[in-house]
Amino acid sequence: MPSVRAGEPDHVLLILAPSHRGRRLVGRSSDPGSLVSAIRGDDPVVVFVVLTPAASSTDREYVDLAALGPLPLGVGNVVRPGSDATVVAVGQLVPEAVAVADELASDIIVEVFDPRTVYLFDWAGLAASVGRTGRLVIIDDTNRFCGFAAEVVSTAAEELTLTAPPRRVTRPDGTVLPFAPELDRAAQPHRDQLVAAVRGVCGVAGASG
């Protein structure tokens, strides 16, 4: 904002918007420090709060509000370390990615990378993760065409060294966002799709070496 306003005083703005999809710029119930940074920052920030039963059942009772401090925006987190493939997930899809990593642990050692914010995105953190694994899968609850996963894949292909083509797990293209919760869940990316993508990018049933 300072560059937009030629150095004039900033207008601090935080927009908290409900959403039943996983797309957002910053914020997640398991990373309350990001929200602290968004509130205290000088730039406008948009937070999309996912309104699903799983996402609504937060663990805020375990958050020590007295000790809560800001997390720097644009800095991701390696939720689960690995060596065979990097899975990028945001929001409510992070626990799903961890569950898939646990399921595949006997064959494939998956690293789960949570960028925490979509924009700013932690490209350096992703590069470090892919540098350890050489393979990349993104699970994203948006459309395949022009979605968040498409941006990550294209940048990774341009700038990172990959040992296999990256893969995406997204909503299908051309799908109208359903109003009925049952139809919406059917259109969302699912765990079995992520399992297949990870196995596919690794090329074999097991890839723990």
N, C-alpha and C. Protein backbone atom coordinates (compact mmCIF):
# COMPACT_ATOMS: atom_id res chain seq x y z
N MET A 1 0.80 -1.22 0.00
CA MET A 1 0.00 0.00 0.00
C MET A 1 0.84 1.28 0.00
N PRO A 2 2.00 1.36 0.68
CA PRO A 2 2.78 2.59 0.59
C PRO A 2 3.14 2.96 -0.84
N SER A 3 3.48 1.97 -1.68
CA SER A 3 3.83 2.27 -3.07
C SER A 3 2.62 2.74 -3.86
N VAL A 4 1.45 2.22 -3.51
CA VAL A 4 0.23 2.63 -4.21
C VAL A 4 -0.15 4.06 -3.86
N ARG A 5 0.07 4.42 -2.60
CA ARG A 5 -0.37 5.73 -2.11
C ARG A 5 0.78 6.74 -2.04
N ALA A 6 1.90 6.44 -2.69
CA ALA A 6 3.03 7.37 -2.79
C ALA A 6 3.52 7.80 -1.42
N GLY A 7 3.59 6.84 -0.49
CA GLY A 7 4.14 7.13 0.82
C GLY A 7 3.17 7.71 1.81
N GLU A 8 1.92 7.94 1.42
CA GLU A 8 0.94 8.46 2.36
C GLU A 8 0.60 7.39 3.40
N PRO A 9 -0.01 7.76 4.51
CA PRO A 9 -0.33 6.79 5.56
C PRO A 9 -1.19 5.64 5.03
N ASP A 10 -0.90 4.46 5.55
CA ASP A 10 -1.62 3.27 5.12
C ASP A 10 -3.01 3.22 5.75
N HIS A 11 -3.88 2.49 5.10
CA HIS A 11 -5.20 2.19 5.65
C HIS A 11 -5.23 0.70 5.97
N VAL A 12 -5.14 0.38 7.23
CA VAL A 12 -5.12 -1.02 7.65
C VAL A 12 -6.50 -1.63 7.45
N LEU A 13 -6.52 -2.80 6.80
CA LEU A 13 -7.80 -3.43 6.49
C LEU A 13 -7.67 -4.94 6.59
N LEU A 14 -8.53 -5.55 7.36
CA LEU A 14 -8.61 -7.01 7.44
C LEU A 14 -10.03 -7.42 7.09
N ILE A 15 -10.18 -8.22 6.04
CA ILE A 15 -11.49 -8.71 5.61
C ILE A 15 -11.60 -10.18 5.99
N LEU A 16 -12.56 -10.50 6.83
CA LEU A 16 -12.80 -11.87 7.25
C LEU A 16 -14.07 -12.34 6.56
N ALA A 17 -13.94 -13.26 5.60
CA ALA A 17 -15.07 -13.65 4.76
C ALA A 17 -15.37 -15.13 4.93
N PRO A 18 -16.65 -15.47 5.16
CA PRO A 18 -17.00 -16.89 5.25
C PRO A 18 -16.96 -17.55 3.89
N SER A 19 -16.59 -18.81 3.87
CA SER A 19 -16.52 -19.57 2.64
C SER A 19 -16.66 -21.03 2.97
N HIS A 20 -17.28 -21.82 2.07
CA HIS A 20 -17.33 -23.26 2.30
C HIS A 20 -16.36 -23.98 1.38
N ARG A 21 -15.41 -23.20 0.84
CA ARG A 21 -14.32 -23.78 0.06
C ARG A 21 -13.01 -23.42 0.73
N GLY A 22 -11.95 -24.09 0.29
CA GLY A 22 -10.68 -23.93 0.96
C GLY A 22 -9.82 -22.79 0.46
N ARG A 23 -10.30 -22.04 -0.49
CA ARG A 23 -9.44 -21.02 -1.08
C ARG A 23 -9.44 -19.78 -0.20
N ARG A 24 -8.22 -19.27 0.11
CA ARG A 24 -8.11 -18.06 0.89
C ARG A 24 -6.72 -17.50 0.76
N LEU A 25 -6.53 -16.28 1.21
CA LEU A 25 -5.23 -15.66 1.10
C LEU A 25 -4.40 -15.91 2.34
N VAL A 26 -5.01 -15.94 3.49
CA VAL A 26 -4.27 -16.21 4.71
C VAL A 26 -5.25 -16.70 5.76
N GLY A 27 -4.75 -17.47 6.69
CA GLY A 27 -5.55 -17.81 7.85
C GLY A 27 -6.00 -19.25 7.87
N ARG A 28 -5.91 -19.86 9.03
CA ARG A 28 -6.36 -21.23 9.24
C ARG A 28 -6.45 -21.42 10.74
N SER A 29 -7.42 -22.19 11.19
CA SER A 29 -7.65 -22.30 12.62
C SER A 29 -6.44 -22.87 13.35
N SER A 30 -5.64 -23.73 12.69
CA SER A 30 -4.49 -24.32 13.35
C SER A 30 -3.26 -23.41 13.33
N ASP A 31 -3.35 -22.26 12.63
CA ASP A 31 -2.27 -21.30 12.60
C ASP A 31 -2.78 -19.93 13.04
N PRO A 32 -3.22 -19.81 14.28
CA PRO A 32 -3.78 -18.52 14.72
C PRO A 32 -2.76 -17.40 14.68
N GLY A 33 -1.47 -17.74 14.71
CA GLY A 33 -0.45 -16.70 14.63
C GLY A 33 -0.50 -15.94 13.32
N SER A 34 -0.91 -16.60 12.24
CA SER A 34 -1.05 -15.91 10.95
C SER A 34 -2.13 -14.84 11.02
N LEU A 35 -3.21 -15.14 11.73
CA LEU A 35 -4.28 -14.17 11.89
C LEU A 35 -3.81 -12.98 12.72
N VAL A 36 -2.99 -13.24 13.72
CA VAL A 36 -2.42 -12.16 14.51
C VAL A 36 -1.61 -11.22 13.61
N SER A 37 -0.79 -11.81 12.73
CA SER A 37 0.00 -11.00 11.81
C SER A 37 -0.89 -10.21 10.86
N ALA A 38 -1.98 -10.83 10.41
CA ALA A 38 -2.89 -10.14 9.51
C ALA A 38 -3.54 -8.94 10.19
N ILE A 39 -3.88 -9.09 11.47
CA ILE A 39 -4.52 -8.01 12.21
C ILE A 39 -3.54 -6.87 12.45
N ARG A 40 -2.31 -7.21 12.75
CA ARG A 40 -1.32 -6.18 13.11
C ARG A 40 -0.63 -5.56 11.90
N GLY A 41 -0.74 -6.17 10.75
CA GLY A 41 0.00 -5.68 9.59
C GLY A 41 -0.55 -4.39 9.03
N ASP A 42 0.29 -3.72 8.22
CA ASP A 42 -0.10 -2.45 7.61
C ASP A 42 -0.81 -2.62 6.27
N ASP A 43 -0.75 -3.81 5.69
CA ASP A 43 -1.34 -4.03 4.38
C ASP A 43 -2.72 -4.68 4.50
N PRO A 44 -3.58 -4.49 3.50
CA PRO A 44 -4.87 -5.17 3.50
C PRO A 44 -4.69 -6.68 3.40
N VAL A 45 -5.47 -7.43 4.15
CA VAL A 45 -5.40 -8.89 4.15
C VAL A 45 -6.82 -9.44 4.07
N VAL A 46 -7.01 -10.45 3.22
CA VAL A 46 -8.29 -11.14 3.10
C VAL A 46 -8.15 -12.54 3.69
N VAL A 47 -9.05 -12.90 4.59
CA VAL A 47 -9.06 -14.23 5.20
C VAL A 47 -10.38 -14.89 4.85
N PHE A 48 -10.32 -16.06 4.21
CA PHE A 48 -11.51 -16.85 3.93
C PHE A 48 -11.60 -17.96 4.96
N VAL A 49 -12.66 -17.94 5.73
CA VAL A 49 -12.87 -18.94 6.78
C VAL A 49 -13.73 -20.05 6.20
N VAL A 50 -13.22 -21.26 6.23
CA VAL A 50 -13.91 -22.40 5.64
C VAL A 50 -15.05 -22.84 6.55
N LEU A 51 -16.26 -22.86 6.01
CA LEU A 51 -17.43 -23.22 6.80
C LEU A 51 -17.86 -24.64 6.47
N THR A 52 -17.11 -25.59 6.99
CA THR A 52 -17.48 -27.00 6.89
C THR A 52 -17.44 -27.58 8.29
N PRO A 53 -18.17 -28.69 8.55
CA PRO A 53 -18.14 -29.26 9.90
C PRO A 53 -16.75 -29.58 10.38
N ALA A 54 -15.89 -30.11 9.47
CA ALA A 54 -14.53 -30.46 9.88
C ALA A 54 -13.73 -29.22 10.21
N ALA A 55 -13.87 -28.19 9.38
CA ALA A 55 -13.09 -26.98 9.60
C ALA A 55 -13.64 -26.16 10.75
N SER A 56 -14.93 -26.29 11.04
CA SER A 56 -15.53 -25.51 12.11
C SER A 56 -15.20 -26.06 13.48
N SER A 57 -14.86 -27.34 13.56
CA SER A 57 -14.54 -27.95 14.85
C SER A 57 -13.07 -27.68 15.16
N THR A 58 -12.77 -26.43 15.51
CA THR A 58 -11.39 -26.01 15.72
C THR A 58 -10.88 -26.51 17.07
N ASP A 59 -9.57 -26.42 17.20
CA ASP A 59 -8.95 -26.82 18.46
C ASP A 59 -8.52 -25.59 19.24
N ARG A 60 -9.34 -24.52 19.21
CA ARG A 60 -8.94 -23.27 19.85
C ARG A 60 -8.79 -23.41 21.35
N GLU A 61 -9.41 -24.44 21.96
CA GLU A 61 -9.25 -24.59 23.40
C GLU A 61 -7.82 -24.96 23.76
N TYR A 62 -7.04 -25.41 22.76
CA TYR A 62 -5.66 -25.76 23.03
C TYR A 62 -4.70 -24.60 22.73
N VAL A 63 -5.22 -23.47 22.30
CA VAL A 63 -4.38 -22.33 21.98
C VAL A 63 -4.18 -21.49 23.24
N ASP A 64 -2.93 -21.25 23.58
CA ASP A 64 -2.60 -20.39 24.71
C ASP A 64 -2.64 -18.95 24.23
N LEU A 65 -3.78 -18.28 24.46
CA LEU A 65 -3.94 -16.93 23.94
C LEU A 65 -2.95 -15.95 24.57
N ALA A 66 -2.57 -16.20 25.82
CA ALA A 66 -1.64 -15.30 26.49
C ALA A 66 -0.26 -15.35 25.83
N ALA A 67 0.10 -16.53 25.33
CA ALA A 67 1.42 -16.69 24.72
C ALA A 67 1.38 -16.59 23.20
N LEU A 68 0.21 -16.33 22.64
CA LEU A 68 0.06 -16.31 21.19
C LEU A 68 0.80 -15.12 20.58
N GLY A 69 1.63 -15.40 19.61
CA GLY A 69 2.36 -14.34 18.92
C GLY A 69 2.16 -14.43 17.43
N PRO A 70 2.58 -13.43 16.70
CA PRO A 70 2.39 -13.43 15.25
C PRO A 70 3.31 -14.41 14.55
N LEU A 71 2.80 -14.98 13.45
CA LEU A 71 3.62 -15.76 12.53
C LEU A 71 3.86 -14.92 11.29
N PRO A 72 5.07 -14.89 10.78
CA PRO A 72 5.33 -14.06 9.60
C PRO A 72 4.53 -14.55 8.40
N LEU A 73 3.84 -13.65 7.74
CA LEU A 73 3.09 -14.01 6.54
C LEU A 73 4.06 -14.34 5.41
N GLY A 74 3.73 -15.36 4.64
CA GLY A 74 4.58 -15.76 3.54
C GLY A 74 5.66 -16.75 3.92
N VAL A 75 5.58 -17.30 5.12
CA VAL A 75 6.54 -18.32 5.57
C VAL A 75 5.77 -19.60 5.85
N GLY A 76 6.08 -20.66 5.09
CA GLY A 76 5.36 -21.92 5.22
C GLY A 76 5.88 -22.78 6.36
N ASN A 77 5.30 -23.97 6.45
CA ASN A 77 5.63 -24.89 7.54
C ASN A 77 5.68 -26.31 7.00
N VAL A 78 6.76 -27.02 7.31
CA VAL A 78 6.83 -28.45 7.01
C VAL A 78 6.10 -29.19 8.12
N VAL A 79 4.89 -29.61 7.81
CA VAL A 79 4.05 -30.25 8.82
C VAL A 79 4.55 -31.66 9.12
N ARG A 80 5.02 -32.32 8.08
CA ARG A 80 5.52 -33.69 8.23
C ARG A 80 6.73 -33.85 7.32
N PRO A 81 7.91 -34.12 7.84
CA PRO A 81 9.09 -34.25 6.99
C PRO A 81 9.06 -35.54 6.18
N GLY A 82 9.68 -35.51 5.02
CA GLY A 82 9.74 -36.69 4.17
C GLY A 82 10.89 -36.60 3.20
N SER A 83 11.04 -37.65 2.37
CA SER A 83 12.18 -37.72 1.46
C SER A 83 11.81 -38.14 0.05
N ASP A 84 10.58 -38.63 -0.18
CA ASP A 84 10.23 -39.18 -1.48
C ASP A 84 9.37 -38.26 -2.33
N ALA A 85 8.48 -37.49 -1.72
CA ALA A 85 7.58 -36.61 -2.46
C ALA A 85 7.09 -35.51 -1.54
N THR A 86 6.93 -34.32 -2.11
CA THR A 86 6.36 -33.18 -1.38
C THR A 86 4.89 -33.03 -1.75
N VAL A 87 4.03 -32.98 -0.77
CA VAL A 87 2.61 -32.68 -0.97
C VAL A 87 2.34 -31.30 -0.41
N VAL A 88 1.84 -30.39 -1.25
CA VAL A 88 1.46 -29.05 -0.82
C VAL A 88 -0.03 -29.04 -0.55
N ALA A 89 -0.41 -28.57 0.63
CA ALA A 89 -1.82 -28.50 1.01
C ALA A 89 -2.03 -27.26 1.86
N VAL A 90 -3.22 -26.68 1.74
CA VAL A 90 -3.56 -25.50 2.55
C VAL A 90 -4.88 -25.75 3.26
N GLY A 91 -5.07 -25.04 4.36
CA GLY A 91 -6.33 -25.04 5.06
C GLY A 91 -6.75 -26.40 5.56
N GLN A 92 -8.02 -26.73 5.32
CA GLN A 92 -8.59 -27.98 5.84
C GLN A 92 -8.02 -29.21 5.14
N LEU A 93 -7.25 -29.01 4.06
CA LEU A 93 -6.66 -30.15 3.36
C LEU A 93 -5.34 -30.60 3.96
N VAL A 94 -4.78 -29.81 4.87
CA VAL A 94 -3.52 -30.20 5.51
C VAL A 94 -3.68 -31.49 6.30
N PRO A 95 -4.70 -31.62 7.17
CA PRO A 95 -4.88 -32.91 7.87
C PRO A 95 -5.10 -34.08 6.93
N GLU A 96 -5.77 -33.84 5.80
CA GLU A 96 -5.97 -34.90 4.82
C GLU A 96 -4.63 -35.34 4.23
N ALA A 97 -3.78 -34.38 3.94
CA ALA A 97 -2.46 -34.71 3.39
C ALA A 97 -1.63 -35.48 4.40
N VAL A 98 -1.70 -35.09 5.66
CA VAL A 98 -0.97 -35.81 6.70
C VAL A 98 -1.48 -37.23 6.83
N ALA A 99 -2.81 -37.40 6.75
CA ALA A 99 -3.39 -38.74 6.83
C ALA A 99 -2.92 -39.62 5.68
N VAL A 100 -2.83 -39.05 4.48
CA VAL A 100 -2.32 -39.80 3.33
C VAL A 100 -0.85 -40.15 3.53
N ALA A 101 -0.08 -39.21 4.05
CA ALA A 101 1.32 -39.50 4.32
C ALA A 101 1.47 -40.64 5.32
N ASP A 102 0.62 -40.66 6.33
CA ASP A 102 0.66 -41.76 7.30
C ASP A 102 0.28 -43.08 6.65
N GLU A 103 -0.72 -43.03 5.77
CA GLU A 103 -1.18 -44.24 5.09
C GLU A 103 -0.09 -44.83 4.20
N LEU A 104 0.70 -43.98 3.57
CA LEU A 104 1.70 -44.44 2.62
C LEU A 104 3.08 -44.65 3.26
N ALA A 105 3.18 -44.44 4.56
CA ALA A 105 4.49 -44.38 5.21
C ALA A 105 5.32 -45.65 5.05
N SER A 106 4.67 -46.79 4.90
CA SER A 106 5.43 -48.03 4.76
C SER A 106 6.11 -48.15 3.40
N ASP A 107 5.62 -47.39 2.40
CA ASP A 107 6.17 -47.47 1.04
C ASP A 107 6.82 -46.17 0.58
N ILE A 108 6.17 -45.04 0.90
CA ILE A 108 6.61 -43.73 0.40
C ILE A 108 6.67 -42.76 1.57
N ILE A 109 7.80 -42.08 1.71
CA ILE A 109 7.97 -41.11 2.79
C ILE A 109 7.59 -39.73 2.25
N VAL A 110 6.41 -39.27 2.62
CA VAL A 110 5.85 -38.04 2.07
C VAL A 110 6.15 -36.86 3.00
N GLU A 111 6.60 -35.76 2.40
CA GLU A 111 6.73 -34.51 3.15
C GLU A 111 5.51 -33.64 2.87
N VAL A 112 4.85 -33.16 3.92
CA VAL A 112 3.67 -32.31 3.78
C VAL A 112 4.10 -30.87 4.05
N PHE A 113 3.90 -30.02 3.06
CA PHE A 113 4.28 -28.61 3.16
C PHE A 113 3.03 -27.75 3.14
N ASP A 114 2.83 -26.98 4.21
CA ASP A 114 1.71 -26.05 4.33
C ASP A 114 2.25 -24.64 4.14
N PRO A 115 1.94 -23.99 3.02
CA PRO A 115 2.47 -22.63 2.80
C PRO A 115 1.86 -21.58 3.73
N ARG A 116 0.78 -21.96 4.42
CA ARG A 116 0.07 -21.10 5.36
C ARG A 116 -0.66 -19.95 4.67
N THR A 117 -0.01 -19.27 3.76
CA THR A 117 -0.65 -18.21 3.00
C THR A 117 -0.51 -18.50 1.52
N VAL A 118 -1.54 -18.16 0.76
CA VAL A 118 -1.53 -18.38 -0.68
C VAL A 118 -0.78 -17.24 -1.38
N TYR A 119 -1.00 -16.05 -0.90
CA TYR A 119 -0.27 -14.88 -1.42
C TYR A 119 -0.11 -13.90 -0.27
N LEU A 120 1.05 -13.81 0.21
CA LEU A 120 2.37 -14.22 -0.22
C LEU A 120 2.55 -15.75 -0.13
N PHE A 121 3.26 -16.33 -1.10
CA PHE A 121 3.54 -17.76 -1.09
C PHE A 121 5.02 -17.97 -0.80
N ASP A 122 5.31 -18.99 0.01
CA ASP A 122 6.68 -19.27 0.42
C ASP A 122 7.38 -20.12 -0.64
N TRP A 123 7.84 -19.47 -1.70
CA TRP A 123 8.52 -20.21 -2.77
C TRP A 123 9.85 -20.78 -2.30
N ALA A 124 10.54 -20.07 -1.44
CA ALA A 124 11.82 -20.58 -0.92
C ALA A 124 11.60 -21.84 -0.10
N GLY A 125 10.55 -21.85 0.71
CA GLY A 125 10.24 -23.04 1.49
C GLY A 125 9.87 -24.22 0.62
N LEU A 126 9.10 -23.95 -0.44
CA LEU A 126 8.74 -25.03 -1.36
C LEU A 126 9.99 -25.55 -2.08
N ALA A 127 10.86 -24.64 -2.49
CA ALA A 127 12.09 -25.07 -3.17
C ALA A 127 12.95 -25.95 -2.28
N ALA A 128 13.02 -25.60 -1.00
CA ALA A 128 13.80 -26.42 -0.07
C ALA A 128 13.17 -27.80 0.09
N SER A 129 11.85 -27.86 0.15
CA SER A 129 11.16 -29.14 0.31
C SER A 129 11.34 -30.01 -0.93
N VAL A 130 11.12 -29.43 -2.10
CA VAL A 130 11.29 -30.19 -3.35
C VAL A 130 12.75 -30.58 -3.56
N GLY A 131 13.65 -29.75 -3.06
CA GLY A 131 15.06 -30.11 -3.14
C GLY A 131 15.38 -31.38 -2.36
N ARG A 132 14.61 -31.64 -1.31
CA ARG A 132 14.81 -32.86 -0.53
C ARG A 132 14.15 -34.07 -1.17
N THR A 133 13.03 -33.86 -1.88
CA THR A 133 12.24 -34.98 -2.36
C THR A 133 12.31 -35.18 -3.87
N GLY A 134 12.41 -34.10 -4.65
CA GLY A 134 12.47 -34.20 -6.10
C GLY A 134 11.12 -34.39 -6.77
N ARG A 135 10.06 -34.54 -5.99
CA ARG A 135 8.73 -34.80 -6.57
C ARG A 135 7.71 -33.89 -5.89
N LEU A 136 6.65 -33.53 -6.64
CA LEU A 136 5.69 -32.54 -6.15
C LEU A 136 4.27 -32.93 -6.50
N VAL A 137 3.39 -32.87 -5.50
CA VAL A 137 1.94 -33.05 -5.68
C VAL A 137 1.24 -31.94 -4.93
N ILE A 138 0.24 -31.32 -5.54
CA ILE A 138 -0.54 -30.27 -4.89
C ILE A 138 -1.98 -30.72 -4.80
N ILE A 139 -2.57 -30.63 -3.62
CA ILE A 139 -3.99 -30.87 -3.45
C ILE A 139 -4.64 -29.53 -3.13
N ASP A 140 -5.70 -29.20 -3.87
CA ASP A 140 -6.27 -27.85 -3.80
C ASP A 140 -7.77 -27.91 -4.07
N ASP A 141 -8.54 -27.26 -3.22
CA ASP A 141 -10.00 -27.27 -3.36
C ASP A 141 -10.47 -26.12 -4.24
N THR A 142 -9.84 -25.95 -5.39
CA THR A 142 -10.31 -25.01 -6.40
C THR A 142 -10.26 -25.70 -7.75
N ASN A 143 -10.72 -24.99 -8.79
CA ASN A 143 -10.74 -25.57 -10.13
C ASN A 143 -9.33 -25.88 -10.62
N ARG A 144 -9.22 -26.86 -11.48
CA ARG A 144 -7.93 -27.24 -12.04
C ARG A 144 -7.37 -26.14 -12.93
N PHE A 145 -8.23 -25.53 -13.74
CA PHE A 145 -7.79 -24.50 -14.67
C PHE A 145 -7.67 -23.16 -13.95
N CYS A 146 -6.47 -22.56 -14.03
CA CYS A 146 -6.21 -21.25 -13.43
C CYS A 146 -6.39 -21.24 -11.91
N GLY A 147 -6.24 -22.38 -11.28
CA GLY A 147 -6.36 -22.45 -9.83
C GLY A 147 -5.02 -22.29 -9.14
N PHE A 148 -5.08 -22.35 -7.82
CA PHE A 148 -3.87 -22.24 -7.01
C PHE A 148 -2.86 -23.33 -7.36
N ALA A 149 -3.34 -24.55 -7.54
CA ALA A 149 -2.43 -25.65 -7.88
C ALA A 149 -1.76 -25.42 -9.22
N ALA A 150 -2.47 -24.84 -10.17
CA ALA A 150 -1.88 -24.57 -11.47
C ALA A 150 -0.73 -23.57 -11.36
N GLU A 151 -0.88 -22.58 -10.50
CA GLU A 151 0.18 -21.60 -10.31
C GLU A 151 1.42 -22.25 -9.68
N VAL A 152 1.19 -23.09 -8.68
CA VAL A 152 2.32 -23.75 -8.01
C VAL A 152 3.04 -24.68 -8.98
N VAL A 153 2.28 -25.45 -9.76
CA VAL A 153 2.88 -26.38 -10.71
C VAL A 153 3.69 -25.63 -11.77
N SER A 154 3.14 -24.56 -12.31
CA SER A 154 3.83 -23.84 -13.38
C SER A 154 5.12 -23.21 -12.87
N THR A 155 5.08 -22.62 -11.67
CA THR A 155 6.28 -22.02 -11.12
C THR A 155 7.32 -23.08 -10.78
N ALA A 156 6.87 -24.20 -10.24
CA ALA A 156 7.80 -25.29 -9.93
C ALA A 156 8.47 -25.81 -11.19
N ALA A 157 7.69 -25.94 -12.27
CA ALA A 157 8.25 -26.43 -13.52
C ALA A 157 9.28 -25.46 -14.09
N GLU A 158 9.06 -24.17 -13.88
CA GLU A 158 9.98 -23.16 -14.40
C GLU A 158 11.26 -23.05 -13.57
N GLU A 159 11.14 -23.20 -12.25
CA GLU A 159 12.24 -22.80 -11.38
C GLU A 159 12.87 -23.93 -10.56
N LEU A 160 12.20 -25.06 -10.42
CA LEU A 160 12.71 -26.11 -9.54
C LEU A 160 13.19 -27.31 -10.36
N THR A 161 14.04 -28.11 -9.75
CA THR A 161 14.52 -29.34 -10.37
C THR A 161 13.68 -30.50 -9.87
N LEU A 162 12.94 -31.10 -10.78
CA LEU A 162 12.03 -32.20 -10.44
C LEU A 162 12.49 -33.48 -11.11
N THR A 163 12.36 -34.59 -10.41
CA THR A 163 12.72 -35.88 -10.99
C THR A 163 11.54 -36.55 -11.68
N ALA A 164 10.34 -35.96 -11.55
CA ALA A 164 9.15 -36.48 -12.21
C ALA A 164 8.20 -35.32 -12.44
N PRO A 165 7.32 -35.40 -13.44
CA PRO A 165 6.36 -34.32 -13.66
C PRO A 165 5.46 -34.14 -12.43
N PRO A 166 5.19 -32.89 -12.03
CA PRO A 166 4.32 -32.66 -10.88
C PRO A 166 2.88 -33.02 -11.19
N ARG A 167 2.11 -33.25 -10.13
CA ARG A 167 0.71 -33.64 -10.29
C ARG A 167 -0.18 -32.77 -9.41
N ARG A 168 -1.45 -32.63 -9.87
CA ARG A 168 -2.43 -31.84 -9.14
C ARG A 168 -3.65 -32.69 -8.80
N VAL A 169 -4.20 -32.44 -7.62
CA VAL A 169 -5.48 -33.02 -7.20
C VAL A 169 -6.39 -31.85 -6.88
N THR A 170 -7.41 -31.64 -7.71
CA THR A 170 -8.26 -30.45 -7.60
C THR A 170 -9.72 -30.82 -7.83
N ARG A 171 -10.57 -29.81 -7.79
CA ARG A 171 -11.93 -29.97 -8.28
C ARG A 171 -11.89 -30.11 -9.80
N PRO A 172 -12.85 -30.82 -10.37
CA PRO A 172 -12.86 -30.95 -11.83
C PRO A 172 -13.22 -29.63 -12.50
N ASP A 173 -12.66 -29.40 -13.68
CA ASP A 173 -12.98 -28.19 -14.43
C ASP A 173 -14.44 -28.20 -14.86
N GLY A 174 -15.02 -27.01 -14.92
CA GLY A 174 -16.38 -26.87 -15.41
C GLY A 174 -17.45 -27.24 -14.40
N THR A 175 -17.05 -27.54 -13.18
CA THR A 175 -18.03 -27.91 -12.17
C THR A 175 -18.63 -26.66 -11.53
N VAL A 176 -19.94 -26.53 -11.60
CA VAL A 176 -20.62 -25.43 -10.93
C VAL A 176 -20.61 -25.72 -9.43
N LEU A 177 -20.26 -24.72 -8.64
CA LEU A 177 -20.18 -24.92 -7.20
C LEU A 177 -21.54 -25.29 -6.65
N PRO A 178 -21.72 -26.51 -6.16
CA PRO A 178 -23.04 -26.93 -5.71
C PRO A 178 -23.44 -26.24 -4.41
N PHE A 179 -24.74 -26.03 -4.23
CA PHE A 179 -25.25 -25.48 -2.98
C PHE A 179 -25.45 -26.59 -1.96
N ALA A 180 -25.92 -27.76 -2.43
CA ALA A 180 -26.15 -28.88 -1.51
C ALA A 180 -24.82 -29.40 -0.97
N PRO A 181 -24.68 -29.55 0.34
CA PRO A 181 -23.41 -30.01 0.92
C PRO A 181 -22.95 -31.35 0.37
N GLU A 182 -23.90 -32.27 0.11
CA GLU A 182 -23.53 -33.58 -0.39
C GLU A 182 -22.89 -33.48 -1.78
N LEU A 183 -23.45 -32.63 -2.64
CA LEU A 183 -22.89 -32.45 -3.97
C LEU A 183 -21.55 -31.73 -3.91
N ASP A 184 -21.44 -30.78 -3.00
CA ASP A 184 -20.17 -30.07 -2.86
C ASP A 184 -19.07 -31.01 -2.42
N ARG A 185 -19.37 -31.90 -1.47
CA ARG A 185 -18.36 -32.86 -1.02
C ARG A 185 -17.95 -33.79 -2.14
N ALA A 186 -18.90 -34.13 -3.02
CA ALA A 186 -18.57 -35.02 -4.15
C ALA A 186 -17.61 -34.35 -5.13
N ALA A 187 -17.67 -33.02 -5.22
CA ALA A 187 -16.80 -32.29 -6.15
C ALA A 187 -15.44 -31.97 -5.56
N GLN A 188 -15.30 -32.10 -4.27
CA GLN A 188 -14.03 -31.76 -3.62
C GLN A 188 -12.97 -32.82 -3.92
N PRO A 189 -11.70 -32.44 -3.86
CA PRO A 189 -10.64 -33.45 -4.00
C PRO A 189 -10.67 -34.40 -2.82
N HIS A 190 -10.44 -35.69 -3.09
CA HIS A 190 -10.58 -36.71 -2.06
C HIS A 190 -9.25 -37.38 -1.77
N ARG A 191 -9.23 -38.05 -0.63
CA ARG A 191 -8.01 -38.68 -0.15
C ARG A 191 -7.50 -39.75 -1.10
N ASP A 192 -8.41 -40.55 -1.68
CA ASP A 192 -7.97 -41.61 -2.58
C ASP A 192 -7.33 -41.03 -3.84
N GLN A 193 -7.78 -39.85 -4.27
CA GLN A 193 -7.16 -39.19 -5.42
C GLN A 193 -5.74 -38.75 -5.09
N LEU A 194 -5.55 -38.27 -3.87
CA LEU A 194 -4.21 -37.86 -3.45
C LEU A 194 -3.28 -39.06 -3.33
N VAL A 195 -3.79 -40.17 -2.80
CA VAL A 195 -2.99 -41.39 -2.72
C VAL A 195 -2.52 -41.81 -4.10
N ALA A 196 -3.45 -41.81 -5.07
CA ALA A 196 -3.10 -42.21 -6.44
C ALA A 196 -2.08 -41.25 -7.05
N ALA A 197 -2.23 -39.95 -6.78
CA ALA A 197 -1.29 -38.98 -7.34
C ALA A 197 0.10 -39.15 -6.76
N VAL A 198 0.19 -39.39 -5.47
CA VAL A 198 1.51 -39.58 -4.84
C VAL A 198 2.16 -40.84 -5.38
N ARG A 199 1.39 -41.92 -5.45
CA ARG A 199 1.95 -43.16 -6.01
C ARG A 199 2.38 -42.95 -7.45
N GLY A 200 1.58 -42.21 -8.20
CA GLY A 200 1.90 -41.98 -9.60
C GLY A 200 3.16 -41.17 -9.80
N VAL A 201 3.33 -40.10 -9.00
CA VAL A 201 4.50 -39.25 -9.16
C VAL A 201 5.77 -39.98 -8.73
N CYS A 202 5.61 -40.94 -7.81
CA CYS A 202 6.76 -41.74 -7.40
C CYS A 202 7.05 -42.88 -8.38
N GLY A 203 6.06 -43.23 -9.18
CA GLY A 203 6.29 -44.18 -10.26
C GLY A 203 6.22 -45.65 -9.89
N VAL A 204 6.25 -45.94 -8.59
CA VAL A 204 6.21 -47.32 -8.14
C VAL A 204 5.33 -47.39 -6.90
N ALA A 205 4.98 -48.61 -6.51
CA ALA A 205 4.17 -48.79 -5.31
C ALA A 205 4.90 -48.34 -4.06
N GLY A 206 6.20 -48.51 -4.04
CA GLY A 206 6.99 -48.05 -2.90
C GLY A 206 8.19 -47.26 -3.39
N ALA A 207 8.51 -46.19 -2.67
CA ALA A 207 9.62 -45.33 -3.11
C ALA A 207 10.33 -44.73 -1.91
N SER A 208 10.75 -45.55 -0.99
CA SER A 208 11.31 -45.02 0.24
C SER A 208 12.82 -44.93 0.21
N GLY A 209 13.40 -44.86 -0.96
CA GLY A 209 14.85 -44.75 -1.02
C GLY A 209 15.30 -43.55 -1.82
